[in-house]
Amino acid sequence: MSYRDSVRRFVREQLEPQQPRWHAQGHADREAWLAAGKLGCLLADVPEAYGGAGGDFRHMAVFWAALAEVGDTAFGAPLQAVVARYLLNHGTEAQQQRHLPALAAGRSIAAIAITEPAAGSDLQGLKCRAVPHEGGYRITGSKCFVSNGHLADLLLLAVRTDDRPGPKSLSLMLVETAGLRGFERGPIEPLLGRPGHDCCELFFDEAWLPAEALLGGEPGRGLGQLRRQLGYERAMLGVMALASMERALALTLEHSRTRRIYGQPLFELQHTRFTLAEVQAHVVMGRLLVDHCIAAQLEGRLDEATAALAKWRLSEMQGEVMDRCLQLFGGAGYAREHPMARLYADARVQRIYGGANELMKEVVAYALP
């Protein structure tokens, strides 16, 4: 059995059936993380020396696509891989040895805590502060919309370590949440879409962290670290957007060929065929863009502007595809429990997280020759 087949089988047999229960409780079970870690798909592109499977970005893309293909919204494994890239590319050897094997095995669950009530895409507006204290740092502030926040054992936390404006004012810290005094989690946030998505606020009231918690061991490098890793995350979002579009097209094709209207299949109406042809065009163009990003990532040449363009255009196409497909389902497609309704609602946030699409346009524009 191929790696792709093994991953798809795991997702369909062990994750997809749990979706209703996870939606109700607001998060996935820890047992699912351990099972995924045992299969080797959580950090498939991490070297074996750090507990990973020794694969590459293609192996991760297979896993993310498999999750999107079944409409999973509760299992926050994609963020695990993103945090691992920060550790691999910017962490010290001690940080890598401490955290990566646990993340790969699913014993530790990771989250990224950047967004604040008054700052999101504008990283310069972050207020959460880290003040030197007794050989370490006191953290004060809050973060919101933290995916995996309820379960997180490890946080990649963006903090201000210098009040002076400039590129060296921010740092990233590795926060181990177990037993951390001055740290609290808010309740899981109910969202418009993505039921079961573990998302909450985090609060820090002079929580003390050792100096070794600084990613890379030095303060003031956070902005550069974030910018260098955003391409990986945005390529990931593109992979998931494409897989969702492909799923929506498959569902709508099946519906249009079985649903009868005026004595004939819905597909026989020219408007339906034209709509599906336009959706297919989006899917084909999306596939070309995703494959380009995957190849560039493998060769180490995926630049910030290309990743931003992919995230922006693929999430916009995803929204358009979901709207057109839902329309063909009629009233049934608007029922909350219908797969198409869930795809529609889940797609909306893709234009917001990972950097709002308006910011993506700025990144692309400033890179123009």
Protein backbone atom coordinates (compact mmCIF):
# COMPACT_ATOMS: atom_id res chain seq x y z
CA MET A 1 0.00 0.00 0.00
CA SER A 2 1.37 3.42 -0.98
CA TYR A 3 1.93 6.22 1.51
CA ARG A 4 -1.00 8.14 0.02
CA ASP A 5 -3.31 5.14 0.35
CA SER A 6 -2.19 4.51 3.94
CA VAL A 7 -2.81 8.12 4.94
CA ARG A 8 -6.20 8.27 3.24
CA ARG A 9 -7.24 5.01 4.88
CA PHE A 10 -6.17 6.29 8.30
CA VAL A 11 -8.06 9.56 7.86
CA ARG A 12 -11.24 7.88 6.58
CA GLU A 13 -11.29 5.06 9.12
CA GLN A 14 -10.01 6.75 12.26
CA LEU A 15 -10.63 10.49 11.90
CA GLU A 16 -13.70 10.97 9.71
CA PRO A 17 -16.06 8.87 11.91
CA GLN A 18 -15.11 10.97 14.95
CA GLN A 19 -16.14 14.29 13.38
CA PRO A 20 -19.66 14.55 14.90
CA ARG A 21 -18.39 13.87 18.41
CA TRP A 22 -15.42 16.20 18.01
CA HIS A 23 -17.74 18.91 16.70
CA ALA A 24 -19.85 18.57 19.85
CA GLN A 25 -16.93 18.67 22.28
CA GLY A 26 -15.03 21.37 20.41
CA HIS A 27 -11.75 19.54 19.82
CA ALA A 28 -10.20 16.28 18.70
CA ASP A 29 -9.13 13.53 21.11
CA ARG A 30 -5.52 13.17 22.17
CA GLU A 31 -5.69 9.53 21.13
CA ALA A 32 -6.02 10.67 17.51
CA TRP A 33 -2.78 12.62 17.79
CA LEU A 34 -0.98 9.56 19.13
CA ALA A 35 -2.39 7.39 16.33
CA ALA A 36 -1.28 9.88 13.66
CA GLY A 37 2.13 10.06 15.28
CA LYS A 38 2.43 6.28 15.18
CA LEU A 39 1.61 6.30 11.46
CA GLY A 40 4.34 8.91 10.93
CA CYS A 41 2.25 11.54 9.16
CA LEU A 42 2.30 14.35 11.75
CA LEU A 43 5.87 15.42 10.89
CA ALA A 44 6.54 13.38 7.78
CA ASP A 45 9.00 15.99 6.45
CA VAL A 46 11.13 16.14 9.62
CA PRO A 47 14.43 14.21 9.64
CA GLU A 48 14.41 10.85 11.40
CA ALA A 49 17.09 12.13 13.78
CA TYR A 50 14.39 14.32 15.36
CA GLY A 51 11.63 11.72 15.36
CA GLY A 52 10.14 12.54 11.96
CA ALA A 53 9.63 10.23 8.99
CA GLY A 54 12.42 11.70 6.88
CA GLY A 55 10.15 12.63 3.98
CA ASP A 56 9.53 15.99 2.35
CA PHE A 57 6.82 18.55 1.67
CA ARG A 58 4.99 16.21 -0.70
CA HIS A 59 4.32 13.77 2.12
CA MET A 60 2.83 16.54 4.24
CA ALA A 61 0.72 17.73 1.29
CA VAL A 62 -0.77 14.22 1.00
CA PHE A 63 -1.80 14.32 4.67
CA TRP A 64 -3.28 17.84 4.54
CA ALA A 65 -5.21 17.02 1.37
CA ALA A 66 -6.58 13.83 2.95
CA LEU A 67 -7.90 15.83 5.89
CA ALA A 68 -9.57 18.35 3.57
CA GLU A 69 -11.02 15.59 1.39
CA VAL A 70 -13.15 14.30 4.27
CA GLY A 71 -14.07 17.79 5.48
CA ASP A 72 -12.10 17.48 8.72
CA THR A 73 -12.17 20.68 10.78
CA ALA A 74 -11.28 19.39 14.24
CA PHE A 75 -7.87 17.74 13.92
CA GLY A 76 -5.36 20.59 14.03
CA ALA A 77 -2.40 18.58 12.76
CA PRO A 78 -1.37 21.04 9.99
CA LEU A 79 -0.22 23.53 12.64
CA GLN A 80 1.99 20.85 14.17
CA ALA A 81 4.01 20.77 10.96
CA VAL A 82 4.26 24.56 10.81
CA VAL A 83 5.65 24.81 14.35
CA ALA A 84 8.12 22.05 13.50
CA ARG A 85 9.49 24.14 10.61
CA TYR A 86 10.20 27.01 12.99
CA LEU A 87 12.09 24.62 15.25
CA LEU A 88 14.01 23.02 12.39
CA ASN A 89 15.04 26.27 10.74
CA HIS A 90 15.48 28.56 13.74
CA GLY A 91 15.66 26.49 16.90
CA THR A 92 18.78 25.54 18.81
CA GLU A 93 19.86 21.91 18.84
CA ALA A 94 18.64 21.63 22.42
CA GLN A 95 15.21 23.02 21.45
CA GLN A 96 14.96 20.66 18.51
CA GLN A 97 15.87 17.61 20.58
CA ARG A 98 13.48 18.61 23.34
CA HIS A 99 10.39 19.30 21.26
CA LEU A 100 10.48 17.68 17.81
CA PRO A 101 10.33 13.99 18.84
CA ALA A 102 7.33 14.67 21.11
CA LEU A 103 5.56 16.62 18.35
CA ALA A 104 6.25 13.88 15.80
CA ALA A 105 4.85 11.21 18.10
CA GLY A 106 1.74 13.23 18.98
CA ARG A 107 2.67 13.27 22.67
CA SER A 108 2.85 17.05 22.48
CA ILE A 109 0.36 19.28 20.63
CA ALA A 110 1.55 22.61 19.25
CA ALA A 111 -0.16 25.94 18.59
CA ILE A 112 0.90 29.32 17.20
CA ALA A 113 -0.11 32.31 19.31
CA ILE A 114 0.30 35.53 17.32
CA THR A 115 -3.06 37.28 16.88
CA GLU A 116 -4.21 39.69 19.59
CA PRO A 117 -7.51 41.54 20.11
CA ALA A 118 -6.06 44.68 18.51
CA ALA A 119 -3.46 43.19 16.16
CA GLY A 120 -3.40 40.35 13.65
CA SER A 121 -1.84 40.71 10.23
CA ASP A 122 -0.06 43.87 11.50
CA LEU A 123 2.75 42.25 13.46
CA GLN A 124 4.16 45.63 14.46
CA GLY A 125 0.98 46.23 16.47
CA LEU A 126 1.46 43.30 18.86
CA LYS A 127 1.30 44.26 22.54
CA CYS A 128 2.07 41.02 24.41
CA ARG A 129 5.33 41.80 26.22
CA ALA A 130 8.26 39.81 27.55
CA VAL A 131 10.27 41.67 30.20
CA PRO A 132 13.64 40.36 31.45
CA HIS A 133 13.31 38.96 34.98
CA GLU A 134 15.51 36.68 37.09
CA GLY A 135 17.42 35.19 34.18
CA GLY A 136 14.33 34.74 32.09
CA TYR A 137 11.23 36.68 31.00
CA ARG A 138 7.91 37.68 32.48
CA ILE A 139 5.14 37.45 29.88
CA THR A 140 2.11 39.73 30.09
CA GLY A 141 -0.69 40.03 27.57
CA SER A 142 -3.24 37.97 25.68
CA LYS A 143 -3.68 36.15 22.41
CA CYS A 144 -6.92 35.35 20.59
CA PHE A 145 -8.13 32.93 17.92
CA VAL A 146 -5.38 30.46 18.83
CA SER A 147 -5.96 27.24 16.91
CA ASN A 148 -5.14 24.17 19.05
CA GLY A 149 -5.16 26.55 22.02
CA HIS A 150 -7.31 24.40 24.27
CA LEU A 151 -5.11 21.30 23.93
CA ALA A 152 -1.75 22.94 23.30
CA ASP A 153 1.24 21.64 25.25
CA LEU A 154 3.66 23.87 23.31
CA LEU A 155 3.04 27.41 22.10
CA LEU A 156 5.02 29.33 19.54
CA LEU A 157 4.37 32.73 21.09
CA ALA A 158 5.06 36.10 19.46
CA VAL A 159 6.04 38.72 22.04
CA ARG A 160 7.47 42.21 22.13
CA THR A 161 10.92 42.19 23.75
CA ASP A 162 11.77 45.77 22.84
CA ASP A 163 9.37 48.72 23.01
CA ARG A 164 11.27 50.59 20.31
CA PRO A 165 9.72 50.26 16.84
CA GLY A 166 11.64 48.33 14.25
CA PRO A 167 12.36 44.85 12.95
CA LYS A 168 14.16 43.78 16.15
CA SER A 169 11.31 44.53 18.54
CA LEU A 170 9.67 41.09 18.31
CA SER A 171 10.76 37.65 19.47
CA LEU A 172 9.31 34.15 19.30
CA MET A 173 9.19 32.03 22.45
CA LEU A 174 8.57 28.34 23.00
CA VAL A 175 6.07 28.08 25.83
CA GLU A 176 5.48 24.77 27.60
CA THR A 177 2.04 25.17 29.11
CA ALA A 178 2.02 22.34 31.68
CA GLY A 179 2.05 23.82 35.17
CA LEU A 180 2.87 27.32 33.93
CA ARG A 181 1.87 29.85 36.56
CA GLY A 182 0.22 33.00 35.30
CA PHE A 183 -1.13 31.22 32.21
CA GLU A 184 -4.83 30.65 31.55
CA ARG A 185 -6.97 29.50 28.64
CA GLY A 186 -10.32 30.95 27.72
CA PRO A 187 -13.29 28.81 26.63
CA ILE A 188 -13.34 27.32 23.15
CA GLU A 189 -14.65 29.95 20.75
CA PRO A 190 -17.75 29.05 18.68
CA LEU A 191 -17.00 29.92 15.07
CA LEU A 192 -19.06 30.60 11.97
CA GLY A 193 -17.63 27.46 10.36
CA ARG A 194 -15.11 24.75 11.17
CA PRO A 195 -17.01 23.03 14.00
CA GLY A 196 -14.76 21.16 16.39
CA HIS A 197 -11.92 23.56 15.63
CA ASP A 198 -10.06 24.01 18.92
CA CYS A 199 -9.78 27.81 19.04
CA CYS A 200 -9.57 29.97 22.15
CA GLU A 201 -7.99 32.96 23.89
CA LEU A 202 -4.83 32.67 25.97
CA PHE A 203 -3.88 34.93 28.86
CA PHE A 204 -0.49 35.64 30.42
CA ASP A 205 -0.20 37.41 33.76
CA GLU A 206 3.52 37.71 34.49
CA ALA A 207 4.10 34.10 33.49
CA TRP A 208 7.82 33.40 33.85
CA LEU A 209 9.80 31.64 31.13
CA PRO A 210 13.51 30.78 31.13
CA ALA A 211 15.81 32.49 28.65
CA GLU A 212 16.15 29.12 26.89
CA ALA A 213 12.54 29.52 25.73
CA LEU A 214 13.60 32.12 23.14
CA LEU A 215 13.45 30.47 19.72
CA GLY A 216 17.03 30.40 18.47
CA GLY A 217 18.35 31.64 21.80
CA GLU A 218 18.46 35.35 20.98
CA PRO A 219 15.82 38.11 21.27
CA GLY A 220 14.79 40.40 18.43
CA ARG A 221 14.70 37.80 15.66
CA GLY A 222 10.97 37.11 15.68
CA LEU A 223 9.91 39.20 12.70
CA GLY A 224 12.53 37.67 10.43
CA GLN A 225 11.71 34.17 11.64
CA LEU A 226 8.02 34.71 10.97
CA ARG A 227 8.59 36.08 7.49
CA ARG A 228 10.89 33.22 6.50
CA GLN A 229 8.39 30.55 7.55
CA LEU A 230 5.15 32.06 6.30
CA GLY A 231 5.69 30.59 2.84
CA TYR A 232 5.44 27.05 4.20
CA GLU A 233 2.20 27.81 6.02
CA ARG A 234 0.64 29.59 3.05
CA ALA A 235 1.56 26.78 0.69
CA MET A 236 -0.12 24.43 3.16
CA LEU A 237 -3.30 26.53 3.08
CA GLY A 238 -3.22 26.38 -0.71
CA VAL A 239 -3.02 22.58 -0.66
CA MET A 240 -6.04 22.40 1.64
CA ALA A 241 -8.02 24.92 -0.43
CA LEU A 242 -7.49 22.85 -3.56
CA ALA A 243 -8.51 19.60 -1.87
CA SER A 244 -11.69 21.25 -0.60
CA MET A 245 -12.52 22.50 -4.10
CA GLU A 246 -12.01 19.03 -5.52
CA ARG A 247 -14.31 17.57 -2.89
CA ALA A 248 -17.01 20.17 -3.59
CA LEU A 249 -16.82 19.45 -7.32
CA ALA A 250 -17.13 15.69 -6.77
CA LEU A 251 -20.15 16.11 -4.49
CA THR A 252 -21.85 18.48 -6.90
CA LEU A 253 -21.22 16.30 -9.94
CA GLU A 254 -22.79 13.33 -8.18
CA HIS A 255 -25.77 15.44 -7.13
CA SER A 256 -26.31 16.95 -10.57
CA ARG A 257 -26.34 13.53 -12.22
CA THR A 258 -28.83 11.99 -9.78
CA ARG A 259 -31.11 14.94 -8.98
CA ARG A 260 -33.95 15.21 -11.48
CA ILE A 261 -35.66 18.41 -12.48
CA TYR A 262 -38.29 18.84 -15.21
CA GLY A 263 -38.01 15.12 -15.91
CA GLN A 264 -34.29 15.05 -16.54
CA PRO A 265 -31.04 15.07 -14.52
CA LEU A 266 -29.99 18.49 -13.27
CA PHE A 267 -26.77 18.03 -15.27
CA GLU A 268 -28.73 18.22 -18.52
CA LEU A 269 -29.48 21.90 -17.95
CA GLN A 270 -26.96 24.03 -19.80
CA HIS A 271 -26.58 26.40 -16.86
CA THR A 272 -25.55 23.49 -14.63
CA ARG A 273 -22.97 22.23 -17.13
CA PHE A 274 -21.53 25.72 -17.61
CA THR A 275 -21.30 26.23 -13.84
CA LEU A 276 -19.52 22.92 -13.38
CA ALA A 277 -17.19 23.69 -16.28
CA GLU A 278 -16.23 26.96 -14.56
CA VAL A 279 -15.65 25.11 -11.28
CA GLN A 280 -13.47 22.59 -13.11
CA ALA A 281 -11.44 25.48 -14.54
CA HIS A 282 -10.80 26.77 -11.02
CA VAL A 283 -9.73 23.30 -9.88
CA VAL A 284 -7.35 22.82 -12.81
CA MET A 285 -5.78 26.26 -12.36
CA GLY A 286 -5.56 25.64 -8.63
CA ARG A 287 -3.77 22.34 -9.21
CA LEU A 288 -1.18 24.02 -11.44
CA LEU A 289 -0.53 26.70 -8.82
CA VAL A 290 -0.29 24.20 -5.95
CA ASP A 291 2.06 21.93 -7.90
CA HIS A 292 4.24 24.94 -8.69
CA CYS A 293 4.44 25.84 -5.01
CA ILE A 294 5.20 22.26 -3.98
CA ALA A 295 8.04 22.04 -6.52
CA ALA A 296 9.41 25.40 -5.40
CA GLN A 297 9.25 24.39 -1.74
CA LEU A 298 11.11 21.15 -2.47
CA GLU A 299 13.84 23.08 -4.29
CA GLY A 300 14.09 25.75 -1.59
CA ARG A 301 12.97 28.58 -3.87
CA LEU A 302 9.42 29.28 -2.69
CA ASP A 303 9.59 33.02 -2.12
CA GLU A 304 7.30 35.09 0.07
CA ALA A 305 5.45 36.74 -2.82
CA THR A 306 4.66 33.48 -4.63
CA ALA A 307 3.36 31.86 -1.45
CA ALA A 308 1.25 34.94 -0.71
CA LEU A 309 -0.17 34.92 -4.24
CA ALA A 310 -1.04 31.23 -3.95
CA LYS A 311 -2.75 31.65 -0.58
CA TRP A 312 -4.71 34.68 -1.83
CA ARG A 313 -5.86 33.31 -5.18
CA LEU A 314 -6.58 29.75 -4.02
CA SER A 315 -8.65 30.89 -1.05
CA GLU A 316 -10.59 33.30 -3.28
CA MET A 317 -11.24 30.53 -5.80
CA GLN A 318 -12.25 28.23 -2.97
CA GLY A 319 -14.89 30.70 -1.82
CA GLU A 320 -16.26 31.10 -5.34
CA VAL A 321 -16.35 27.34 -5.93
CA MET A 322 -18.25 26.73 -2.69
CA ASP A 323 -20.80 29.40 -3.53
CA ARG A 324 -21.45 28.07 -7.03
CA CYS A 325 -21.66 24.45 -5.91
CA LEU A 326 -23.97 25.17 -2.99
CA GLN A 327 -26.35 26.99 -5.35
CA LEU A 328 -26.80 23.82 -7.38
CA PHE A 329 -27.91 21.90 -4.27
CA GLY A 330 -30.75 24.34 -3.66
CA GLY A 331 -32.31 24.45 -0.20
CA ALA A 332 -30.77 21.12 0.79
CA GLY A 333 -27.32 22.65 0.44
CA TYR A 334 -28.21 25.33 2.98
CA ALA A 335 -29.02 22.84 5.75
CA ARG A 336 -26.28 23.08 8.37
CA GLU A 337 -25.53 19.35 8.42
CA HIS A 338 -25.27 19.00 4.65
CA PRO A 339 -21.67 18.40 3.51
CA MET A 340 -21.90 21.26 1.02
CA ALA A 341 -23.12 23.70 3.66
CA ARG A 342 -20.20 22.75 5.88
CA LEU A 343 -17.73 23.19 3.05
CA TYR A 344 -19.21 26.62 2.34
CA ALA A 345 -18.98 27.80 5.95
CA ASP A 346 -15.55 26.27 6.54
CA ALA A 347 -14.05 27.99 3.48
CA ARG A 348 -14.70 31.56 4.61
CA VAL A 349 -11.88 31.76 7.13
CA GLN A 350 -9.28 30.75 4.53
CA ARG A 351 -9.28 34.36 3.32
CA ILE A 352 -8.49 35.57 6.83
CA TYR A 353 -6.02 33.33 8.65
CA GLY A 354 -2.45 32.83 7.53
CA GLY A 355 -2.46 36.55 6.66
CA ALA A 356 -5.56 38.36 5.42
CA ASN A 357 -5.85 38.37 1.63
CA GLU A 358 -5.60 42.16 1.55
CA LEU A 359 -2.12 41.81 3.05
CA MET A 360 -1.29 39.10 0.52
CA LYS A 361 -1.98 41.58 -2.27
CA GLU A 362 0.42 44.04 -0.67
CA VAL A 363 3.14 41.40 -0.49
CA VAL A 364 2.65 40.54 -4.16
CA ALA A 365 2.53 44.19 -5.22
CA TYR A 366 5.74 45.16 -3.43
CA ALA A 367 7.56 42.26 -5.10
CA LEU A 368 6.65 43.44 -8.61
CA PRO A 369 9.72 44.20 -10.76
